[in-house]
Amino acid sequence: MAIDQETEMTGAEIDDFLSRHETGVLSLARTDDPYAIPISYGYDDDAREFYMRMVSTPDSEKRQFLESTPAARLVVYDEADSTYRSVIATGELQSIEPAALTPDQIAQYGDTKRPLFEIWAEGKDALNIELYRFEPATLNGRRTEVDREE
């Protein structure tokens, strides 16, 4: 399999791609310690911001990373036929208090998939559910065409 063509996605292509998807992998880093998790998100293509609902237990590794204000990287990708697409956003997550939400932000959180609580060993009352906004400092997309004839 050889790469036939690789191109940068335009801003409009990135916004369209992110608006049509709803999941990605969020990587958090503090010093030399990485942590990556699959997440669902809502995307506001006008403001170019992501909205995420994070669920964790009080003593979880995820909670420890989120409380440390880590550097964040979100990767959203797909493959269709012979085309691979990926978008990488970098920046810092910002916690949002529910009382401070605007109507537009509430709509964005409505676009995120709710985690299925049944996957957690603990009961719902033991879970922390927090809302985050991710306004990327960088947002880059790439499209790769692959020649499958080889």
N, C-alpha and C. Protein backbone atom coordinates (compact mmCIF):
# COMPACT_ATOMS: atom_id res chain seq x y z
N MET A 1 0.84 -1.17 0.00
CA MET A 1 0.00 0.00 0.00
C MET A 1 0.89 1.24 0.00
N ALA A 2 0.80 2.05 -1.01
CA ALA A 2 1.62 3.25 -1.13
C ALA A 2 0.76 4.49 -1.02
N ILE A 3 1.32 5.51 -0.41
CA ILE A 3 0.62 6.80 -0.33
C ILE A 3 0.66 7.44 -1.70
N ASP A 4 -0.52 7.70 -2.24
CA ASP A 4 -0.63 8.29 -3.56
C ASP A 4 -0.59 9.81 -3.46
N GLN A 5 -1.29 10.36 -2.48
CA GLN A 5 -1.35 11.81 -2.34
C GLN A 5 -1.70 12.15 -0.89
N GLU A 6 -1.00 13.16 -0.35
CA GLU A 6 -1.29 13.62 1.01
C GLU A 6 -1.46 15.12 0.96
N THR A 7 -2.56 15.63 1.48
CA THR A 7 -2.82 17.06 1.44
C THR A 7 -3.33 17.54 2.78
N GLU A 8 -3.06 18.81 3.04
CA GLU A 8 -3.60 19.48 4.22
C GLU A 8 -5.07 19.79 3.96
N MET A 9 -5.90 19.64 4.97
CA MET A 9 -7.31 19.98 4.85
C MET A 9 -7.47 21.49 5.07
N THR A 10 -8.41 22.10 4.37
CA THR A 10 -8.70 23.52 4.57
C THR A 10 -9.50 23.68 5.87
N GLY A 11 -9.63 24.90 6.34
CA GLY A 11 -10.42 25.17 7.53
C GLY A 11 -11.86 24.70 7.38
N ALA A 12 -12.45 24.93 6.20
CA ALA A 12 -13.83 24.49 5.96
C ALA A 12 -13.93 22.97 5.97
N GLU A 13 -12.93 22.28 5.39
CA GLU A 13 -12.93 20.81 5.40
C GLU A 13 -12.78 20.27 6.82
N ILE A 14 -11.94 20.91 7.62
CA ILE A 14 -11.76 20.50 9.01
C ILE A 14 -13.07 20.66 9.77
N ASP A 15 -13.72 21.81 9.63
CA ASP A 15 -14.99 22.05 10.33
C ASP A 15 -16.05 21.05 9.91
N ASP A 16 -16.14 20.76 8.63
CA ASP A 16 -17.12 19.80 8.13
C ASP A 16 -16.83 18.41 8.71
N PHE A 17 -15.57 18.00 8.68
CA PHE A 17 -15.16 16.70 9.20
C PHE A 17 -15.51 16.57 10.69
N LEU A 18 -15.14 17.58 11.48
CA LEU A 18 -15.38 17.51 12.92
C LEU A 18 -16.87 17.57 13.25
N SER A 19 -17.64 18.27 12.44
CA SER A 19 -19.09 18.36 12.67
C SER A 19 -19.79 17.04 12.36
N ARG A 20 -19.23 16.25 11.46
CA ARG A 20 -19.85 14.97 11.10
C ARG A 20 -19.43 13.83 12.01
N HIS A 21 -18.40 14.04 12.81
CA HIS A 21 -17.93 13.00 13.73
C HIS A 21 -18.31 13.38 15.16
N GLU A 22 -18.20 12.44 16.04
CA GLU A 22 -18.56 12.73 17.43
C GLU A 22 -17.65 12.04 18.44
N THR A 23 -16.65 11.30 17.95
CA THR A 23 -15.74 10.63 18.87
C THR A 23 -14.30 10.84 18.43
N GLY A 24 -13.40 10.72 19.38
CA GLY A 24 -11.97 10.83 19.12
C GLY A 24 -11.19 10.29 20.29
N VAL A 25 -9.91 10.50 20.26
CA VAL A 25 -9.04 10.09 21.36
C VAL A 25 -8.41 11.35 21.95
N LEU A 26 -8.64 11.56 23.23
CA LEU A 26 -8.10 12.71 23.95
C LEU A 26 -6.87 12.25 24.72
N SER A 27 -5.74 12.88 24.45
CA SER A 27 -4.51 12.58 25.16
C SER A 27 -4.17 13.75 26.06
N LEU A 28 -3.84 13.43 27.30
CA LEU A 28 -3.46 14.43 28.29
C LEU A 28 -2.03 14.14 28.72
N ALA A 29 -1.25 15.19 28.99
CA ALA A 29 0.14 14.99 29.39
C ALA A 29 0.49 15.97 30.51
N ARG A 30 1.24 15.45 31.46
CA ARG A 30 1.84 16.29 32.50
C ARG A 30 3.25 15.77 32.69
N THR A 31 4.19 16.63 32.60
CA THR A 31 5.62 16.29 32.57
C THR A 31 5.84 15.15 31.59
N ASP A 32 6.32 14.00 32.04
CA ASP A 32 6.59 12.88 31.13
C ASP A 32 5.54 11.78 31.24
N ASP A 33 4.39 12.09 31.77
CA ASP A 33 3.38 11.09 32.07
C ASP A 33 2.17 11.28 31.13
N PRO A 34 1.97 10.41 30.13
CA PRO A 34 0.84 10.56 29.21
C PRO A 34 -0.39 9.77 29.66
N TYR A 35 -1.55 10.17 29.16
CA TYR A 35 -2.80 9.48 29.44
C TYR A 35 -3.72 9.71 28.24
N ALA A 36 -4.31 8.67 27.68
CA ALA A 36 -5.18 8.82 26.51
C ALA A 36 -6.48 8.06 26.76
N ILE A 37 -7.60 8.68 26.33
CA ILE A 37 -8.91 8.07 26.52
C ILE A 37 -9.80 8.35 25.30
N PRO A 38 -10.67 7.41 24.96
CA PRO A 38 -11.67 7.70 23.92
C PRO A 38 -12.73 8.61 24.53
N ILE A 39 -13.19 9.56 23.75
CA ILE A 39 -14.22 10.50 24.24
C ILE A 39 -15.23 10.76 23.13
N SER A 40 -16.37 11.32 23.53
CA SER A 40 -17.31 11.88 22.56
C SER A 40 -17.32 13.39 22.76
N TYR A 41 -17.68 14.11 21.73
CA TYR A 41 -17.64 15.56 21.80
C TYR A 41 -18.76 16.17 20.99
N GLY A 42 -19.06 17.41 21.30
CA GLY A 42 -19.86 18.28 20.45
C GLY A 42 -18.90 19.30 19.86
N TYR A 43 -19.15 19.75 18.64
CA TYR A 43 -18.24 20.70 17.99
C TYR A 43 -19.02 21.90 17.49
N ASP A 44 -18.56 23.08 17.85
CA ASP A 44 -19.14 24.34 17.39
C ASP A 44 -18.24 24.85 16.27
N ASP A 45 -18.69 24.70 15.02
CA ASP A 45 -17.83 25.09 13.90
C ASP A 45 -17.71 26.60 13.72
N ASP A 46 -18.62 27.38 14.31
CA ASP A 46 -18.48 28.83 14.24
C ASP A 46 -17.36 29.31 15.16
N ALA A 47 -17.35 28.82 16.40
CA ALA A 47 -16.33 29.21 17.37
C ALA A 47 -15.09 28.32 17.30
N ARG A 48 -15.21 27.19 16.57
CA ARG A 48 -14.13 26.19 16.47
C ARG A 48 -13.72 25.71 17.86
N GLU A 49 -14.73 25.29 18.64
CA GLU A 49 -14.54 24.78 19.99
C GLU A 49 -15.19 23.41 20.13
N PHE A 50 -14.61 22.61 21.01
CA PHE A 50 -15.15 21.30 21.34
C PHE A 50 -15.78 21.38 22.73
N TYR A 51 -16.81 20.57 22.94
CA TYR A 51 -17.46 20.46 24.24
C TYR A 51 -17.48 18.98 24.62
N MET A 52 -17.00 18.70 25.85
CA MET A 52 -16.87 17.32 26.30
C MET A 52 -17.46 17.15 27.69
N ARG A 53 -18.03 16.00 27.90
CA ARG A 53 -18.55 15.61 29.21
C ARG A 53 -17.65 14.48 29.70
N MET A 54 -16.93 14.72 30.79
CA MET A 54 -16.00 13.73 31.32
C MET A 54 -16.60 13.06 32.56
N VAL A 55 -16.59 11.76 32.57
CA VAL A 55 -17.10 10.99 33.69
C VAL A 55 -15.93 10.24 34.31
N SER A 56 -15.80 10.33 35.64
CA SER A 56 -14.72 9.65 36.32
C SER A 56 -15.12 9.35 37.76
N THR A 57 -14.34 8.52 38.39
CA THR A 57 -14.51 8.26 39.82
C THR A 57 -13.57 9.19 40.57
N PRO A 58 -13.83 9.47 41.85
CA PRO A 58 -12.99 10.43 42.59
C PRO A 58 -11.50 10.10 42.61
N ASP A 59 -11.12 8.84 42.64
CA ASP A 59 -9.72 8.47 42.74
C ASP A 59 -9.12 7.98 41.43
N SER A 60 -9.80 8.20 40.33
CA SER A 60 -9.35 7.65 39.05
C SER A 60 -8.14 8.39 38.50
N GLU A 61 -7.41 7.70 37.64
CA GLU A 61 -6.28 8.31 36.95
C GLU A 61 -6.75 9.48 36.09
N LYS A 62 -7.91 9.33 35.45
CA LYS A 62 -8.46 10.41 34.62
C LYS A 62 -8.66 11.67 35.46
N ARG A 63 -9.24 11.52 36.63
CA ARG A 63 -9.51 12.66 37.52
C ARG A 63 -8.19 13.33 37.91
N GLN A 64 -7.17 12.52 38.21
CA GLN A 64 -5.86 13.08 38.59
C GLN A 64 -5.28 13.90 37.45
N PHE A 65 -5.40 13.43 36.23
CA PHE A 65 -4.90 14.19 35.08
C PHE A 65 -5.71 15.46 34.86
N LEU A 66 -7.03 15.35 34.91
CA LEU A 66 -7.87 16.53 34.67
C LEU A 66 -7.62 17.63 35.70
N GLU A 67 -7.35 17.25 36.92
CA GLU A 67 -7.11 18.24 37.97
C GLU A 67 -5.75 18.91 37.85
N SER A 68 -4.84 18.36 37.05
CA SER A 68 -3.50 18.91 36.94
C SER A 68 -3.35 19.93 35.82
N THR A 69 -4.43 20.33 35.16
CA THR A 69 -4.42 21.23 34.02
C THR A 69 -3.38 20.79 32.99
N PRO A 70 -3.58 19.60 32.45
CA PRO A 70 -2.59 19.05 31.52
C PRO A 70 -2.69 19.67 30.13
N ALA A 71 -1.61 19.54 29.38
CA ALA A 71 -1.67 19.84 27.95
C ALA A 71 -2.57 18.78 27.32
N ALA A 72 -3.36 19.15 26.32
CA ALA A 72 -4.31 18.22 25.73
C ALA A 72 -4.13 18.16 24.22
N ARG A 73 -4.40 16.98 23.67
CA ARG A 73 -4.38 16.77 22.22
C ARG A 73 -5.56 15.87 21.90
N LEU A 74 -6.41 16.31 20.99
CA LEU A 74 -7.56 15.52 20.55
C LEU A 74 -7.31 15.09 19.11
N VAL A 75 -7.45 13.78 18.87
CA VAL A 75 -7.28 13.23 17.52
C VAL A 75 -8.61 12.63 17.09
N VAL A 76 -9.10 13.08 15.95
CA VAL A 76 -10.32 12.55 15.34
C VAL A 76 -9.92 12.03 13.97
N TYR A 77 -10.31 10.81 13.64
CA TYR A 77 -9.86 10.23 12.38
C TYR A 77 -10.90 9.28 11.81
N ASP A 78 -10.76 8.99 10.53
CA ASP A 78 -11.60 7.96 9.90
C ASP A 78 -10.91 7.44 8.65
N GLU A 79 -11.47 6.37 8.13
CA GLU A 79 -10.99 5.76 6.89
C GLU A 79 -12.22 5.41 6.07
N ALA A 80 -12.22 5.83 4.83
CA ALA A 80 -13.31 5.49 3.91
C ALA A 80 -12.69 5.16 2.55
N ASP A 81 -12.96 3.95 2.10
CA ASP A 81 -12.38 3.46 0.85
C ASP A 81 -10.86 3.59 0.91
N SER A 82 -10.29 4.40 0.06
CA SER A 82 -8.83 4.54 0.05
C SER A 82 -8.38 5.89 0.61
N THR A 83 -9.24 6.53 1.39
CA THR A 83 -8.92 7.85 1.94
C THR A 83 -8.90 7.80 3.46
N TYR A 84 -7.81 8.27 4.03
CA TYR A 84 -7.68 8.44 5.48
C TYR A 84 -7.75 9.93 5.77
N ARG A 85 -8.48 10.29 6.82
CA ARG A 85 -8.56 11.68 7.26
C ARG A 85 -8.28 11.74 8.75
N SER A 86 -7.58 12.77 9.16
CA SER A 86 -7.37 12.96 10.59
C SER A 86 -7.27 14.44 10.88
N VAL A 87 -7.75 14.82 12.05
CA VAL A 87 -7.64 16.18 12.54
C VAL A 87 -7.04 16.10 13.93
N ILE A 88 -6.06 16.96 14.19
CA ILE A 88 -5.41 17.01 15.49
C ILE A 88 -5.57 18.42 16.05
N ALA A 89 -6.12 18.49 17.25
CA ALA A 89 -6.31 19.76 17.95
C ALA A 89 -5.44 19.74 19.21
N THR A 90 -4.74 20.82 19.49
CA THR A 90 -3.91 20.90 20.70
C THR A 90 -4.29 22.13 21.50
N GLY A 91 -4.12 22.05 22.81
CA GLY A 91 -4.42 23.18 23.67
C GLY A 91 -4.64 22.73 25.10
N GLU A 92 -5.44 23.49 25.84
CA GLU A 92 -5.76 23.16 27.23
C GLU A 92 -7.27 23.05 27.40
N LEU A 93 -7.69 22.09 28.19
CA LEU A 93 -9.11 21.95 28.53
C LEU A 93 -9.49 23.01 29.54
N GLN A 94 -10.72 23.51 29.44
CA GLN A 94 -11.22 24.47 30.42
C GLN A 94 -12.48 23.89 31.04
N SER A 95 -12.46 23.73 32.35
CA SER A 95 -13.63 23.24 33.07
C SER A 95 -14.70 24.32 33.06
N ILE A 96 -15.95 23.92 32.89
CA ILE A 96 -17.06 24.87 32.88
C ILE A 96 -18.05 24.47 33.96
N GLU A 97 -18.37 25.41 34.81
CA GLU A 97 -19.38 25.17 35.84
C GLU A 97 -20.75 25.16 35.18
N PRO A 98 -21.61 24.19 35.50
CA PRO A 98 -22.93 24.13 34.88
C PRO A 98 -23.73 25.43 35.00
N ALA A 99 -23.59 26.15 36.11
CA ALA A 99 -24.34 27.40 36.29
C ALA A 99 -23.88 28.49 35.32
N ALA A 100 -22.67 28.36 34.77
CA ALA A 100 -22.12 29.38 33.87
C ALA A 100 -22.40 29.08 32.40
N LEU A 101 -23.11 28.01 32.11
CA LEU A 101 -23.37 27.63 30.72
C LEU A 101 -24.30 28.61 30.02
N THR A 102 -23.97 28.91 28.77
CA THR A 102 -24.85 29.71 27.93
C THR A 102 -25.80 28.75 27.19
N PRO A 103 -26.91 29.25 26.65
CA PRO A 103 -27.79 28.36 25.86
C PRO A 103 -27.08 27.68 24.69
N ASP A 104 -26.16 28.40 24.03
CA ASP A 104 -25.41 27.79 22.92
C ASP A 104 -24.51 26.66 23.41
N GLN A 105 -23.88 26.84 24.57
CA GLN A 105 -23.04 25.79 25.12
C GLN A 105 -23.88 24.57 25.52
N ILE A 106 -25.03 24.80 26.08
CA ILE A 106 -25.92 23.69 26.45
C ILE A 106 -26.27 22.88 25.21
N ALA A 107 -26.52 23.55 24.10
CA ALA A 107 -26.82 22.84 22.85
C ALA A 107 -25.63 22.00 22.41
N GLN A 108 -24.41 22.51 22.57
CA GLN A 108 -23.22 21.75 22.19
C GLN A 108 -23.06 20.51 23.06
N TYR A 109 -23.29 20.63 24.35
CA TYR A 109 -23.20 19.45 25.22
C TYR A 109 -24.28 18.44 24.87
N GLY A 110 -25.40 18.92 24.37
CA GLY A 110 -26.45 18.01 23.94
C GLY A 110 -26.03 17.16 22.76
N ASP A 111 -25.04 17.64 21.98
CA ASP A 111 -24.54 16.88 20.84
C ASP A 111 -23.53 15.80 21.23
N THR A 112 -23.03 15.85 22.46
CA THR A 112 -22.08 14.81 22.89
C THR A 112 -22.87 13.60 23.32
N LYS A 113 -22.32 12.44 23.06
CA LYS A 113 -22.96 11.20 23.48
C LYS A 113 -22.80 11.04 24.99
N ARG A 114 -23.84 10.65 25.64
CA ARG A 114 -23.72 10.39 27.07
C ARG A 114 -23.06 9.05 27.28
N PRO A 115 -22.13 8.97 28.21
CA PRO A 115 -21.55 7.66 28.51
C PRO A 115 -22.61 6.75 29.10
N LEU A 116 -22.49 5.49 28.80
CA LEU A 116 -23.41 4.52 29.37
C LEU A 116 -22.95 4.20 30.78
N PHE A 117 -23.73 4.57 31.78
CA PHE A 117 -23.32 4.37 33.16
C PHE A 117 -23.15 2.90 33.49
N GLU A 118 -23.78 2.03 32.73
CA GLU A 118 -23.69 0.61 33.00
C GLU A 118 -22.27 0.07 32.82
N ILE A 119 -21.40 0.82 32.14
CA ILE A 119 -20.04 0.33 31.94
C ILE A 119 -19.17 0.59 33.17
N TRP A 120 -19.63 1.36 34.12
CA TRP A 120 -18.85 1.70 35.30
C TRP A 120 -19.17 0.70 36.41
N ALA A 121 -18.14 0.25 37.10
CA ALA A 121 -18.33 -0.68 38.22
C ALA A 121 -19.03 0.02 39.39
N GLU A 122 -18.76 1.31 39.57
CA GLU A 122 -19.38 2.06 40.66
C GLU A 122 -20.78 2.51 40.26
N GLY A 123 -21.60 2.82 41.25
CA GLY A 123 -22.93 3.35 40.98
C GLY A 123 -22.86 4.79 40.51
N LYS A 124 -23.96 5.28 39.96
CA LYS A 124 -23.99 6.65 39.44
C LYS A 124 -23.60 7.68 40.50
N ASP A 125 -23.99 7.44 41.75
CA ASP A 125 -23.70 8.42 42.80
C ASP A 125 -22.21 8.53 43.11
N ALA A 126 -21.40 7.55 42.69
CA ALA A 126 -19.96 7.58 42.93
C ALA A 126 -19.19 8.23 41.78
N LEU A 127 -19.89 8.66 40.73
CA LEU A 127 -19.23 9.21 39.55
C LEU A 127 -19.21 10.73 39.57
N ASN A 128 -18.08 11.30 39.10
CA ASN A 128 -17.98 12.74 38.89
C ASN A 128 -18.25 12.99 37.41
N ILE A 129 -19.20 13.88 37.13
CA ILE A 129 -19.48 14.25 35.74
C ILE A 129 -19.16 15.74 35.63
N GLU A 130 -18.17 16.06 34.79
CA GLU A 130 -17.76 17.44 34.64
C GLU A 130 -17.79 17.83 33.17
N LEU A 131 -18.02 19.10 32.93
CA LEU A 131 -18.11 19.64 31.58
C LEU A 131 -16.84 20.41 31.25
N TYR A 132 -16.37 20.23 30.02
CA TYR A 132 -15.16 20.90 29.58
C TYR A 132 -15.38 21.52 28.21
N ARG A 133 -14.69 22.63 28.01
CA ARG A 133 -14.62 23.30 26.71
C ARG A 133 -13.16 23.21 26.28
N PHE A 134 -12.96 22.93 24.99
CA PHE A 134 -11.61 22.82 24.44
C PHE A 134 -11.53 23.73 23.24
N GLU A 135 -10.88 24.88 23.43
CA GLU A 135 -10.66 25.83 22.34
C GLU A 135 -9.21 25.63 21.89
N PRO A 136 -9.02 24.93 20.77
CA PRO A 136 -7.66 24.56 20.38
C PRO A 136 -6.77 25.75 20.05
N ALA A 137 -5.52 25.65 20.49
CA ALA A 137 -4.50 26.62 20.08
C ALA A 137 -4.07 26.32 18.64
N THR A 138 -4.07 25.02 18.28
CA THR A 138 -3.79 24.61 16.91
C THR A 138 -4.84 23.60 16.48
N LEU A 139 -5.18 23.62 15.21
CA LEU A 139 -6.18 22.71 14.65
C LEU A 139 -5.75 22.42 13.21
N ASN A 140 -5.29 21.19 12.98
CA ASN A 140 -4.75 20.82 11.68
C ASN A 140 -5.38 19.53 11.18
N GLY A 141 -5.63 19.47 9.88
CA GLY A 141 -6.21 18.27 9.29
C GLY A 141 -5.40 17.81 8.09
N ARG A 142 -5.45 16.50 7.87
CA ARG A 142 -4.72 15.92 6.75
C ARG A 142 -5.58 14.85 6.09
N ARG A 143 -5.48 14.81 4.78
CA ARG A 143 -6.18 13.79 3.99
C ARG A 143 -5.12 13.02 3.21
N THR A 144 -5.17 11.71 3.30
CA THR A 144 -4.21 10.86 2.61
C THR A 144 -4.94 9.89 1.71
N GLU A 145 -4.58 9.91 0.44
CA GLU A 145 -5.12 8.95 -0.53
C GLU A 145 -4.12 7.81 -0.65
N VAL A 146 -4.61 6.58 -0.58
CA VAL A 146 -3.74 5.43 -0.61
C VAL A 146 -4.05 4.61 -1.86
N ASP A 147 -3.00 4.22 -2.56
CA ASP A 147 -3.13 3.34 -3.73
C ASP A 147 -3.11 1.91 -3.22
N ARG A 148 -4.24 1.21 -3.30
CA ARG A 148 -4.36 -0.15 -2.78
C ARG A 148 -4.05 -1.20 -3.84
N GLU A 149 -3.62 -0.78 -5.01
CA GLU A 149 -3.36 -1.71 -6.11
C GLU A 149 -2.06 -2.49 -5.96
N GLU A 150 -1.18 -2.05 -5.09
CA GLU A 150 0.13 -2.71 -4.98
C GLU A 150 0.05 -3.99 -4.18
